[in-house]
Amino acid sequence: MHGTASTPTQRDPDPAETVQVWDLPLRLWHWMLAVLVIVAWVTPNVYDGLHRLAGCTVIGLLAFRLVWGLTGTRHSRFRGMGARLRAAPAYLWNLRRGRTGRYLGLNPAGTAMQLALLLLLAISAMTGAMQVTVRFFGIWWVEDTHEIVSHLVMGLVVLHVAGVAVVSRLQRENLARAMLTGRKLLRRNVRAPQPTANRSD
């Protein structure tokens, strides 16, 4: 009689096969920021009070991330960011061939995405705050910068979600779930590239 047991790629990982990577403060920060970015995106000129509240809270979250990037746990810190950024072009090139390597923390592409999002969110939030001050109210370049950068943020968010989905599929690991639980697979669960025969030509 044939059983209906799920394949290793479908079942939930055993805790013994995982390791804690993302700490609770970072996970809460990540999902709070995601919700607030969406709230800020859908509320301008409709619910201005809620829009401003979301923007101010984003500023607070960015400040927390800066502090936590210096004092948090290993994979929350910014240490080593430069090396991963330098590796990003090669990582993206290999990604085209389905080769991702194995990173417990952020991979090089994720590091580049993190930096871009943090910078753009900071610009978006600060220009948004400037618009409600007497000095900068109605200033065209402040309004235009806020609008353009906000669009760029949402574009990067879509790209980020797509990238997580692609890498999750290639590595056979649910990276979104890892940001909920904080745990990632300990074993290497990435399909290795097929060896090629030596050629003389």
N, C-alpha and C. Protein backbone atom coordinates (compact mmCIF):
# COMPACT_ATOMS: atom_id res chain seq x y z
N MET A 1 0.85 -1.19 0.00
CA MET A 1 0.00 0.00 0.00
C MET A 1 0.88 1.24 0.00
N HIS A 2 0.61 2.15 -0.94
CA HIS A 2 1.46 3.32 -1.07
C HIS A 2 1.10 4.34 -0.01
N GLY A 3 2.10 4.90 0.67
CA GLY A 3 1.87 5.92 1.68
C GLY A 3 1.75 7.29 1.04
N THR A 4 1.42 8.25 1.86
CA THR A 4 1.25 9.62 1.37
C THR A 4 2.23 10.57 2.06
N ALA A 5 3.35 10.01 2.50
CA ALA A 5 4.33 10.84 3.20
C ALA A 5 4.83 11.93 2.27
N SER A 6 5.03 13.12 2.80
CA SER A 6 5.50 14.24 1.99
C SER A 6 6.99 14.10 1.75
N THR A 7 7.47 14.78 0.72
CA THR A 7 8.88 14.74 0.39
C THR A 7 9.63 15.65 1.33
N PRO A 8 10.98 15.52 1.41
CA PRO A 8 11.76 16.36 2.30
C PRO A 8 11.60 17.84 2.01
N THR A 9 11.28 18.20 0.75
CA THR A 9 11.14 19.60 0.42
C THR A 9 9.78 20.15 0.82
N GLN A 10 8.83 19.29 1.19
CA GLN A 10 7.49 19.74 1.52
C GLN A 10 7.24 19.79 3.03
N ARG A 11 7.93 18.99 3.80
CA ARG A 11 7.64 18.90 5.22
C ARG A 11 8.29 20.06 5.95
N ASP A 12 7.78 20.32 7.15
CA ASP A 12 8.40 21.32 8.01
C ASP A 12 9.73 20.77 8.51
N PRO A 13 10.76 21.63 8.59
CA PRO A 13 12.05 21.15 9.04
C PRO A 13 12.02 20.74 10.50
N ASP A 14 12.74 19.68 10.84
CA ASP A 14 12.88 19.25 12.23
C ASP A 14 13.74 20.28 12.95
N PRO A 15 13.38 20.65 14.20
CA PRO A 15 14.20 21.62 14.93
C PRO A 15 15.66 21.22 15.03
N ALA A 16 15.93 19.92 15.05
CA ALA A 16 17.32 19.47 15.13
C ALA A 16 18.10 19.80 13.87
N GLU A 17 17.39 20.07 12.76
CA GLU A 17 18.04 20.37 11.49
C GLU A 17 18.22 21.87 11.29
N THR A 18 17.78 22.67 12.25
CA THR A 18 17.82 24.12 12.09
C THR A 18 18.71 24.78 13.14
N VAL A 19 19.03 26.03 12.88
CA VAL A 19 19.83 26.81 13.81
C VAL A 19 19.21 28.20 13.92
N GLN A 20 19.28 28.80 15.11
CA GLN A 20 18.75 30.14 15.30
C GLN A 20 19.65 31.15 14.58
N VAL A 21 19.05 31.95 13.72
CA VAL A 21 19.79 32.95 12.96
C VAL A 21 19.29 34.35 13.26
N TRP A 22 17.99 34.58 13.04
CA TRP A 22 17.42 35.92 13.23
C TRP A 22 16.84 36.05 14.64
N ASP A 23 17.32 37.04 15.39
CA ASP A 23 16.82 37.23 16.74
C ASP A 23 15.44 37.88 16.73
N LEU A 24 14.74 37.83 17.86
CA LEU A 24 13.37 38.32 17.95
C LEU A 24 13.27 39.82 17.65
N PRO A 25 14.14 40.68 18.21
CA PRO A 25 14.02 42.10 17.89
C PRO A 25 14.12 42.39 16.39
N LEU A 26 15.02 41.69 15.70
CA LEU A 26 15.16 41.91 14.26
C LEU A 26 13.92 41.45 13.51
N ARG A 27 13.36 40.32 13.91
CA ARG A 27 12.17 39.81 13.23
C ARG A 27 10.98 40.74 13.43
N LEU A 28 10.79 41.23 14.66
CA LEU A 28 9.72 42.18 14.91
C LEU A 28 9.93 43.45 14.10
N TRP A 29 11.17 43.92 14.04
CA TRP A 29 11.50 45.11 13.26
C TRP A 29 11.15 44.89 11.79
N HIS A 30 11.52 43.75 11.24
CA HIS A 30 11.30 43.46 9.83
C HIS A 30 9.81 43.49 9.48
N TRP A 31 8.99 42.80 10.26
CA TRP A 31 7.57 42.71 9.93
C TRP A 31 6.82 43.99 10.25
N MET A 32 7.22 44.71 11.30
CA MET A 32 6.62 46.01 11.57
C MET A 32 6.93 46.99 10.44
N LEU A 33 8.16 46.97 9.97
CA LEU A 33 8.54 47.86 8.88
C LEU A 33 7.75 47.53 7.61
N ALA A 34 7.59 46.23 7.33
CA ALA A 34 6.84 45.82 6.14
C ALA A 34 5.41 46.34 6.20
N VAL A 35 4.76 46.20 7.36
CA VAL A 35 3.38 46.66 7.52
C VAL A 35 3.30 48.18 7.38
N LEU A 36 4.23 48.89 7.99
CA LEU A 36 4.19 50.35 7.97
C LEU A 36 4.46 50.90 6.57
N VAL A 37 5.33 50.26 5.82
CA VAL A 37 5.59 50.71 4.44
C VAL A 37 4.32 50.58 3.60
N ILE A 38 3.60 49.49 3.79
CA ILE A 38 2.35 49.31 3.04
C ILE A 38 1.32 50.34 3.49
N VAL A 39 1.22 50.57 4.80
CA VAL A 39 0.27 51.57 5.31
C VAL A 39 0.60 52.95 4.75
N ALA A 40 1.89 53.30 4.77
CA ALA A 40 2.29 54.61 4.24
C ALA A 40 2.02 54.72 2.75
N TRP A 41 2.11 53.62 2.04
CA TRP A 41 1.91 53.63 0.60
C TRP A 41 0.45 53.89 0.22
N VAL A 42 -0.48 53.35 1.00
CA VAL A 42 -1.90 53.43 0.62
C VAL A 42 -2.65 54.58 1.28
N THR A 43 -2.01 55.34 2.17
CA THR A 43 -2.74 56.36 2.93
C THR A 43 -2.51 57.82 2.53
N PRO A 44 -1.52 58.18 1.68
CA PRO A 44 -1.32 59.62 1.42
C PRO A 44 -2.53 60.25 0.74
N ASN A 45 -2.85 61.47 1.18
CA ASN A 45 -3.97 62.25 0.63
C ASN A 45 -5.33 61.60 0.89
N VAL A 46 -5.35 60.53 1.67
CA VAL A 46 -6.61 59.88 2.03
C VAL A 46 -6.77 59.87 3.55
N TYR A 47 -5.77 59.30 4.21
CA TYR A 47 -5.71 59.30 5.67
C TYR A 47 -4.38 59.91 6.08
N ASP A 48 -4.30 61.23 5.99
CA ASP A 48 -3.01 61.91 6.19
C ASP A 48 -2.46 61.71 7.60
N GLY A 49 -3.34 61.66 8.59
CA GLY A 49 -2.88 61.45 9.96
C GLY A 49 -2.21 60.10 10.12
N LEU A 50 -2.82 59.07 9.56
CA LEU A 50 -2.25 57.73 9.62
C LEU A 50 -0.97 57.66 8.81
N HIS A 51 -0.95 58.38 7.70
CA HIS A 51 0.24 58.41 6.86
C HIS A 51 1.43 59.01 7.62
N ARG A 52 1.18 60.12 8.30
CA ARG A 52 2.25 60.76 9.08
C ARG A 52 2.69 59.88 10.23
N LEU A 53 1.74 59.21 10.89
CA LEU A 53 2.09 58.32 11.99
C LEU A 53 2.97 57.18 11.50
N ALA A 54 2.62 56.60 10.36
CA ALA A 54 3.43 55.52 9.79
C ALA A 54 4.83 56.01 9.46
N GLY A 55 4.92 57.21 8.88
CA GLY A 55 6.23 57.76 8.53
C GLY A 55 7.10 58.01 9.74
N CYS A 56 6.50 58.59 10.79
CA CYS A 56 7.27 58.85 12.02
C CYS A 56 7.74 57.55 12.67
N THR A 57 6.88 56.53 12.63
CA THR A 57 7.26 55.25 13.21
C THR A 57 8.38 54.60 12.41
N VAL A 58 8.35 54.77 11.09
CA VAL A 58 9.43 54.25 10.26
C VAL A 58 10.75 54.90 10.65
N ILE A 59 10.74 56.20 10.91
CA ILE A 59 11.97 56.87 11.35
C ILE A 59 12.49 56.23 12.63
N GLY A 60 11.59 55.96 13.57
CA GLY A 60 12.00 55.30 14.81
C GLY A 60 12.57 53.92 14.57
N LEU A 61 11.96 53.17 13.65
CA LEU A 61 12.45 51.82 13.34
C LEU A 61 13.81 51.88 12.67
N LEU A 62 14.02 52.87 11.82
CA LEU A 62 15.33 53.00 11.18
C LEU A 62 16.41 53.33 12.20
N ALA A 63 16.06 54.17 13.17
CA ALA A 63 17.02 54.48 14.24
C ALA A 63 17.35 53.23 15.04
N PHE A 64 16.31 52.43 15.35
CA PHE A 64 16.55 51.18 16.07
C PHE A 64 17.46 50.26 15.27
N ARG A 65 17.23 50.19 13.96
CA ARG A 65 18.04 49.27 13.14
C ARG A 65 19.50 49.69 13.11
N LEU A 66 19.74 50.98 13.12
CA LEU A 66 21.11 51.46 13.16
C LEU A 66 21.79 51.02 14.45
N VAL A 67 21.10 51.18 15.56
CA VAL A 67 21.66 50.77 16.85
C VAL A 67 21.84 49.26 16.89
N TRP A 68 20.81 48.52 16.44
CA TRP A 68 20.87 47.06 16.50
C TRP A 68 21.91 46.51 15.52
N GLY A 69 22.18 47.23 14.46
CA GLY A 69 23.22 46.81 13.53
C GLY A 69 24.61 46.91 14.11
N LEU A 70 24.74 47.66 15.19
CA LEU A 70 26.02 47.80 15.87
C LEU A 70 26.12 46.97 17.14
N THR A 71 24.98 46.70 17.77
CA THR A 71 25.01 46.05 19.09
C THR A 71 24.23 44.73 19.14
N GLY A 72 23.53 44.36 18.08
CA GLY A 72 22.69 43.17 18.11
C GLY A 72 23.47 41.88 17.99
N THR A 73 22.75 40.81 17.77
CA THR A 73 23.38 39.50 17.64
C THR A 73 24.11 39.39 16.31
N ARG A 74 24.82 38.30 16.13
CA ARG A 74 25.77 38.16 15.03
C ARG A 74 25.18 38.51 13.67
N HIS A 75 24.07 37.90 13.31
CA HIS A 75 23.53 38.08 11.97
C HIS A 75 22.71 39.35 11.83
N SER A 76 22.54 40.10 12.92
CA SER A 76 21.85 41.38 12.86
C SER A 76 22.83 42.53 12.64
N ARG A 77 24.10 42.28 12.86
CA ARG A 77 25.09 43.35 12.81
C ARG A 77 25.48 43.66 11.36
N PHE A 78 25.95 44.90 11.18
CA PHE A 78 26.40 45.35 9.86
C PHE A 78 27.82 44.90 9.56
N ARG A 79 28.50 44.32 10.54
CA ARG A 79 29.88 43.91 10.35
C ARG A 79 29.97 42.91 9.20
N GLY A 80 30.90 43.11 8.29
CA GLY A 80 31.06 42.25 7.14
C GLY A 80 30.22 42.67 5.95
N MET A 81 29.48 43.78 6.09
CA MET A 81 28.62 44.22 4.99
C MET A 81 29.44 44.57 3.75
N GLY A 82 30.59 45.20 3.95
CA GLY A 82 31.41 45.60 2.81
C GLY A 82 31.83 44.42 1.94
N ALA A 83 32.24 43.33 2.59
CA ALA A 83 32.68 42.14 1.84
C ALA A 83 31.51 41.54 1.07
N ARG A 84 30.33 41.49 1.69
CA ARG A 84 29.17 40.93 1.00
C ARG A 84 28.72 41.81 -0.16
N LEU A 85 28.83 43.13 0.01
CA LEU A 85 28.47 44.02 -1.09
C LEU A 85 29.40 43.83 -2.28
N ARG A 86 30.69 43.63 -2.00
CA ARG A 86 31.64 43.40 -3.08
C ARG A 86 31.37 42.08 -3.79
N ALA A 87 30.80 41.12 -3.05
CA ALA A 87 30.51 39.82 -3.64
C ALA A 87 29.17 39.79 -4.37
N ALA A 88 28.38 40.85 -4.25
CA ALA A 88 27.03 40.85 -4.82
C ALA A 88 26.99 40.65 -6.34
N PRO A 89 27.85 41.34 -7.13
CA PRO A 89 27.79 41.12 -8.58
C PRO A 89 28.04 39.67 -8.98
N ALA A 90 29.04 39.02 -8.38
CA ALA A 90 29.31 37.62 -8.70
C ALA A 90 28.16 36.73 -8.24
N TYR A 91 27.57 37.05 -7.09
CA TYR A 91 26.45 36.26 -6.59
C TYR A 91 25.28 36.32 -7.57
N LEU A 92 24.95 37.53 -8.04
CA LEU A 92 23.84 37.67 -8.98
C LEU A 92 24.13 36.98 -10.30
N TRP A 93 25.38 37.01 -10.73
CA TRP A 93 25.76 36.32 -11.96
C TRP A 93 25.57 34.81 -11.81
N ASN A 94 26.01 34.26 -10.69
CA ASN A 94 25.85 32.83 -10.45
C ASN A 94 24.38 32.45 -10.24
N LEU A 95 23.60 33.40 -9.71
CA LEU A 95 22.18 33.14 -9.50
C LEU A 95 21.47 32.86 -10.83
N ARG A 96 21.94 33.45 -11.89
CA ARG A 96 21.36 33.22 -13.21
C ARG A 96 21.49 31.75 -13.61
N ARG A 97 22.50 31.08 -13.08
CA ARG A 97 22.73 29.67 -13.37
C ARG A 97 22.16 28.77 -12.27
N GLY A 98 21.44 29.34 -11.33
CA GLY A 98 20.84 28.55 -10.27
C GLY A 98 21.79 28.21 -9.15
N ARG A 99 22.93 28.89 -9.08
CA ARG A 99 23.91 28.62 -8.02
C ARG A 99 23.85 29.75 -6.99
N THR A 100 23.48 29.40 -5.77
CA THR A 100 23.28 30.42 -4.74
C THR A 100 24.32 30.39 -3.64
N GLY A 101 25.05 29.30 -3.50
CA GLY A 101 25.90 29.18 -2.33
C GLY A 101 25.04 29.01 -1.09
N ARG A 102 25.66 29.05 0.08
CA ARG A 102 24.91 28.84 1.32
C ARG A 102 25.30 29.92 2.32
N TYR A 103 24.34 30.70 2.74
CA TYR A 103 24.56 31.77 3.71
C TYR A 103 23.54 31.64 4.82
N LEU A 104 23.99 31.54 6.06
CA LEU A 104 23.05 31.53 7.17
C LEU A 104 22.42 32.90 7.37
N GLY A 105 23.25 33.94 7.28
CA GLY A 105 22.73 35.30 7.36
C GLY A 105 22.31 35.78 5.98
N LEU A 106 22.34 37.09 5.79
CA LEU A 106 21.99 37.64 4.49
C LEU A 106 23.01 37.24 3.44
N ASN A 107 22.53 36.84 2.26
CA ASN A 107 23.45 36.60 1.16
C ASN A 107 23.85 37.95 0.56
N PRO A 108 24.83 37.99 -0.35
CA PRO A 108 25.29 39.28 -0.89
C PRO A 108 24.19 40.10 -1.55
N ALA A 109 23.28 39.45 -2.29
CA ALA A 109 22.19 40.20 -2.91
C ALA A 109 21.25 40.77 -1.85
N GLY A 110 20.97 39.99 -0.81
CA GLY A 110 20.14 40.47 0.28
C GLY A 110 20.77 41.63 1.02
N THR A 111 22.09 41.60 1.15
CA THR A 111 22.80 42.70 1.80
C THR A 111 22.67 43.98 0.99
N ALA A 112 22.84 43.87 -0.33
CA ALA A 112 22.69 45.04 -1.19
C ALA A 112 21.27 45.58 -1.13
N MET A 113 20.29 44.68 -1.12
CA MET A 113 18.89 45.09 -1.04
C MET A 113 18.62 45.78 0.30
N GLN A 114 19.16 45.24 1.39
CA GLN A 114 18.98 45.84 2.70
C GLN A 114 19.51 47.26 2.73
N LEU A 115 20.72 47.46 2.21
CA LEU A 115 21.32 48.78 2.23
C LEU A 115 20.51 49.77 1.40
N ALA A 116 20.09 49.34 0.20
CA ALA A 116 19.31 50.22 -0.67
C ALA A 116 17.98 50.60 -0.03
N LEU A 117 17.30 49.62 0.57
CA LEU A 117 16.02 49.91 1.21
C LEU A 117 16.19 50.84 2.41
N LEU A 118 17.19 50.61 3.23
CA LEU A 118 17.39 51.46 4.40
C LEU A 118 17.67 52.90 3.99
N LEU A 119 18.50 53.08 2.97
CA LEU A 119 18.83 54.43 2.51
C LEU A 119 17.61 55.13 1.92
N LEU A 120 16.88 54.42 1.05
CA LEU A 120 15.72 55.03 0.42
C LEU A 120 14.60 55.29 1.43
N LEU A 121 14.41 54.39 2.38
CA LEU A 121 13.41 54.61 3.41
C LEU A 121 13.76 55.82 4.26
N ALA A 122 15.04 56.00 4.56
CA ALA A 122 15.46 57.15 5.34
C ALA A 122 15.16 58.45 4.58
N ILE A 123 15.46 58.47 3.28
CA ILE A 123 15.19 59.66 2.47
C ILE A 123 13.69 59.92 2.38
N SER A 124 12.91 58.85 2.14
CA SER A 124 11.47 58.98 2.03
C SER A 124 10.85 59.51 3.33
N ALA A 125 11.27 58.93 4.45
CA ALA A 125 10.70 59.33 5.73
C ALA A 125 11.10 60.76 6.10
N MET A 126 12.35 61.12 5.86
CA MET A 126 12.81 62.45 6.23
C MET A 126 12.17 63.52 5.35
N THR A 127 12.06 63.28 4.05
CA THR A 127 11.42 64.28 3.19
C THR A 127 9.93 64.38 3.50
N GLY A 128 9.32 63.25 3.89
CA GLY A 128 7.93 63.30 4.32
C GLY A 128 7.76 64.16 5.56
N ALA A 129 8.69 64.02 6.50
CA ALA A 129 8.63 64.83 7.72
C ALA A 129 8.88 66.30 7.41
N MET A 130 9.75 66.56 6.45
CA MET A 130 10.05 67.95 6.08
C MET A 130 8.83 68.66 5.50
N GLN A 131 7.98 67.90 4.81
CA GLN A 131 6.83 68.51 4.14
C GLN A 131 5.83 69.14 5.11
N VAL A 132 5.81 68.68 6.35
CA VAL A 132 4.83 69.20 7.32
C VAL A 132 5.45 70.29 8.20
N THR A 133 6.64 70.75 7.86
CA THR A 133 7.26 71.86 8.59
C THR A 133 6.98 73.17 7.86
N VAL A 134 7.05 74.26 8.60
CA VAL A 134 6.80 75.58 8.01
C VAL A 134 7.84 75.90 6.94
N ARG A 135 9.08 75.54 7.20
CA ARG A 135 10.17 75.92 6.29
C ARG A 135 10.08 75.21 4.96
N PHE A 136 9.69 73.92 4.96
CA PHE A 136 9.74 73.14 3.73
C PHE A 136 8.36 72.82 3.15
N PHE A 137 7.30 73.31 3.76
CA PHE A 137 5.96 73.03 3.26
C PHE A 137 5.78 73.65 1.87
N GLY A 138 5.35 72.81 0.91
CA GLY A 138 5.11 73.29 -0.44
C GLY A 138 6.34 73.44 -1.30
N ILE A 139 7.52 73.11 -0.78
CA ILE A 139 8.75 73.20 -1.58
C ILE A 139 8.76 72.05 -2.59
N TRP A 140 8.89 72.37 -3.87
CA TRP A 140 8.68 71.36 -4.91
C TRP A 140 9.67 70.22 -4.86
N TRP A 141 10.96 70.53 -4.59
CA TRP A 141 11.96 69.46 -4.64
C TRP A 141 11.81 68.49 -3.46
N VAL A 142 11.29 68.98 -2.34
CA VAL A 142 11.02 68.09 -1.21
C VAL A 142 9.88 67.15 -1.55
N GLU A 143 8.78 67.70 -2.12
CA GLU A 143 7.64 66.88 -2.49
C GLU A 143 8.00 65.88 -3.57
N ASP A 144 8.73 66.34 -4.59
CA ASP A 144 9.10 65.44 -5.69
C ASP A 144 10.03 64.33 -5.22
N THR A 145 11.00 64.70 -4.37
CA THR A 145 11.93 63.68 -3.85
C THR A 145 11.17 62.63 -3.05
N HIS A 146 10.26 63.09 -2.21
CA HIS A 146 9.47 62.15 -1.40
C HIS A 146 8.66 61.20 -2.28
N GLU A 147 8.02 61.74 -3.30
CA GLU A 147 7.19 60.91 -4.17
C GLU A 147 8.03 59.92 -4.97
N ILE A 148 9.11 60.40 -5.57
CA ILE A 148 9.95 59.52 -6.41
C ILE A 148 10.58 58.42 -5.58
N VAL A 149 11.15 58.79 -4.43
CA VAL A 149 11.82 57.81 -3.59
C VAL A 149 10.82 56.79 -3.03
N SER A 150 9.61 57.24 -2.73
CA SER A 150 8.59 56.32 -2.24
C SER A 150 8.25 55.28 -3.30
N HIS A 151 8.17 55.71 -4.55
CA HIS A 151 7.94 54.76 -5.64
C HIS A 151 9.10 53.77 -5.76
N LEU A 152 10.32 54.28 -5.62
CA LEU A 152 11.49 53.40 -5.68
C LEU A 152 11.47 52.38 -4.55
N VAL A 153 11.05 52.81 -3.37
CA VAL A 153 10.96 51.88 -2.24
C VAL A 153 10.02 50.74 -2.56
N MET A 154 8.85 51.05 -3.10
CA MET A 154 7.88 50.00 -3.41
C MET A 154 8.39 49.09 -4.51
N GLY A 155 9.13 49.65 -5.47
CA GLY A 155 9.73 48.81 -6.50
C GLY A 155 10.73 47.83 -5.92
N LEU A 156 11.54 48.31 -4.97
CA LEU A 156 12.50 47.43 -4.32
C LEU A 156 11.81 46.39 -3.46
N VAL A 157 10.70 46.75 -2.83
CA VAL A 157 9.95 45.79 -2.02
C VAL A 157 9.48 44.63 -2.90
N VAL A 158 8.92 44.97 -4.07
CA VAL A 158 8.46 43.92 -4.99
C VAL A 158 9.64 43.05 -5.43
N LEU A 159 10.77 43.69 -5.75
CA LEU A 159 11.96 42.95 -6.15
C LEU A 159 12.47 42.07 -5.02
N HIS A 160 12.41 42.58 -3.81
CA HIS A 160 12.84 41.82 -2.63
C HIS A 160 11.99 40.55 -2.45
N VAL A 161 10.68 40.71 -2.54
CA VAL A 161 9.79 39.55 -2.39
C VAL A 161 10.06 38.53 -3.49
N ALA A 162 10.25 39.01 -4.72
CA ALA A 162 10.54 38.10 -5.83
C ALA A 162 11.86 37.38 -5.61
N GLY A 163 12.87 38.11 -5.12
CA GLY A 163 14.17 37.49 -4.87
C GLY A 163 14.11 36.43 -3.80
N VAL A 164 13.36 36.71 -2.72
CA VAL A 164 13.19 35.72 -1.66
C VAL A 164 12.53 34.46 -2.21
N ALA A 165 11.53 34.65 -3.06
CA ALA A 165 10.83 33.49 -3.63
C ALA A 165 11.77 32.66 -4.51
N VAL A 166 12.58 33.33 -5.32
CA VAL A 166 13.50 32.61 -6.22
C VAL A 166 14.54 31.84 -5.43
N VAL A 167 15.19 32.51 -4.46
CA VAL A 167 16.24 31.84 -3.69
C VAL A 167 15.64 30.73 -2.82
N SER A 168 14.45 30.95 -2.29
CA SER A 168 13.79 29.89 -1.50
C SER A 168 13.60 28.65 -2.36
N ARG A 169 13.20 28.84 -3.59
CA ARG A 169 12.98 27.70 -4.49
C ARG A 169 14.29 26.99 -4.82
N LEU A 170 15.33 27.78 -5.10
CA LEU A 170 16.62 27.19 -5.47
C LEU A 170 17.24 26.44 -4.29
N GLN A 171 17.09 26.98 -3.09
CA GLN A 171 17.69 26.36 -1.91
C GLN A 171 16.77 25.38 -1.21
N ARG A 172 15.53 25.25 -1.71
CA ARG A 172 14.53 24.37 -1.11
C ARG A 172 14.36 24.68 0.38
N GLU A 173 14.24 25.98 0.67
CA GLU A 173 14.08 26.43 2.05
C GLU A 173 13.19 27.66 2.05
N ASN A 174 12.20 27.68 2.94
CA ASN A 174 11.26 28.79 3.03
C ASN A 174 11.91 29.93 3.82
N LEU A 175 12.46 30.91 3.10
CA LEU A 175 13.16 32.00 3.76
C LEU A 175 12.20 32.96 4.46
N ALA A 176 10.98 33.10 3.95
CA ALA A 176 10.00 33.94 4.64
C ALA A 176 9.64 33.34 5.99
N ARG A 177 9.48 32.03 6.04
CA ARG A 177 9.19 31.36 7.31
C ARG A 177 10.37 31.52 8.27
N ALA A 178 11.58 31.51 7.74
CA ALA A 178 12.75 31.70 8.59
C ALA A 178 12.73 33.06 9.27
N MET A 179 12.19 34.07 8.58
CA MET A 179 12.10 35.38 9.20
C MET A 179 10.97 35.45 10.22
N LEU A 180 10.07 34.49 10.20
CA LEU A 180 9.04 34.39 11.23
C LEU A 180 9.54 33.61 12.45
N THR A 181 10.21 32.49 12.20
CA THR A 181 10.66 31.63 13.29
C THR A 181 12.04 32.00 13.80
N GLY A 182 12.82 32.63 12.95
CA GLY A 182 14.21 32.95 13.30
C GLY A 182 15.18 31.84 12.99
N ARG A 183 14.69 30.68 12.53
CA ARG A 183 15.54 29.51 12.35
C ARG A 183 15.69 29.18 10.86
N LYS A 184 16.91 28.77 10.50
CA LYS A 184 17.19 28.36 9.13
C LYS A 184 17.80 26.96 9.15
N LEU A 185 17.76 26.30 8.01
CA LEU A 185 18.32 24.97 7.91
C LEU A 185 19.81 25.00 8.18
N LEU A 186 20.26 24.09 9.02
CA LEU A 186 21.67 24.00 9.35
C LEU A 186 22.44 23.29 8.27
N ARG A 187 21.84 22.24 7.73
CA ARG A 187 22.53 21.47 6.70
C ARG A 187 22.51 22.24 5.39
N ARG A 188 23.46 21.92 4.53
CA ARG A 188 23.48 22.53 3.20
C ARG A 188 22.37 21.88 2.39
N ASN A 189 21.43 22.70 1.96
CA ASN A 189 20.27 22.17 1.26
C ASN A 189 20.13 22.83 -0.10
N VAL A 190 21.27 23.00 -0.77
CA VAL A 190 21.29 23.66 -2.06
C VAL A 190 21.78 22.68 -3.10
N ARG A 191 21.09 22.64 -4.22
CA ARG A 191 21.50 21.73 -5.27
C ARG A 191 22.85 22.16 -5.82
N ALA A 192 23.80 21.26 -5.78
CA ALA A 192 25.15 21.59 -6.26
C ALA A 192 25.16 21.59 -7.78
N PRO A 193 25.99 22.47 -8.39
CA PRO A 193 26.07 22.46 -9.85
C PRO A 193 26.64 21.14 -10.35
N GLN A 194 26.16 20.69 -11.48
CA GLN A 194 26.63 19.44 -12.05
C GLN A 194 28.05 19.60 -12.55
N PRO A 195 28.95 18.63 -12.23
CA PRO A 195 30.32 18.74 -12.72
C PRO A 195 30.36 18.60 -14.23
N THR A 196 31.28 19.31 -14.83
CA THR A 196 31.43 19.24 -16.29
C THR A 196 32.69 18.47 -16.62
N ALA A 197 32.64 17.73 -17.70
CA ALA A 197 33.79 16.95 -18.13
C ALA A 197 34.89 17.87 -18.62
N ASN A 198 36.14 17.46 -18.41
CA ASN A 198 37.26 18.23 -18.92
C ASN A 198 37.26 18.23 -20.44
N ARG A 199 37.48 19.40 -20.99
CA ARG A 199 37.50 19.51 -22.44
C ARG A 199 38.82 20.09 -22.88
N SER A 200 39.29 19.65 -23.99
CA SER A 200 40.58 20.12 -24.48
C SER A 200 40.43 21.27 -25.46
N ASP A 201 39.14 21.54 -25.90
CA ASP A 201 38.98 22.61 -26.88
C ASP A 201 38.63 23.93 -26.23
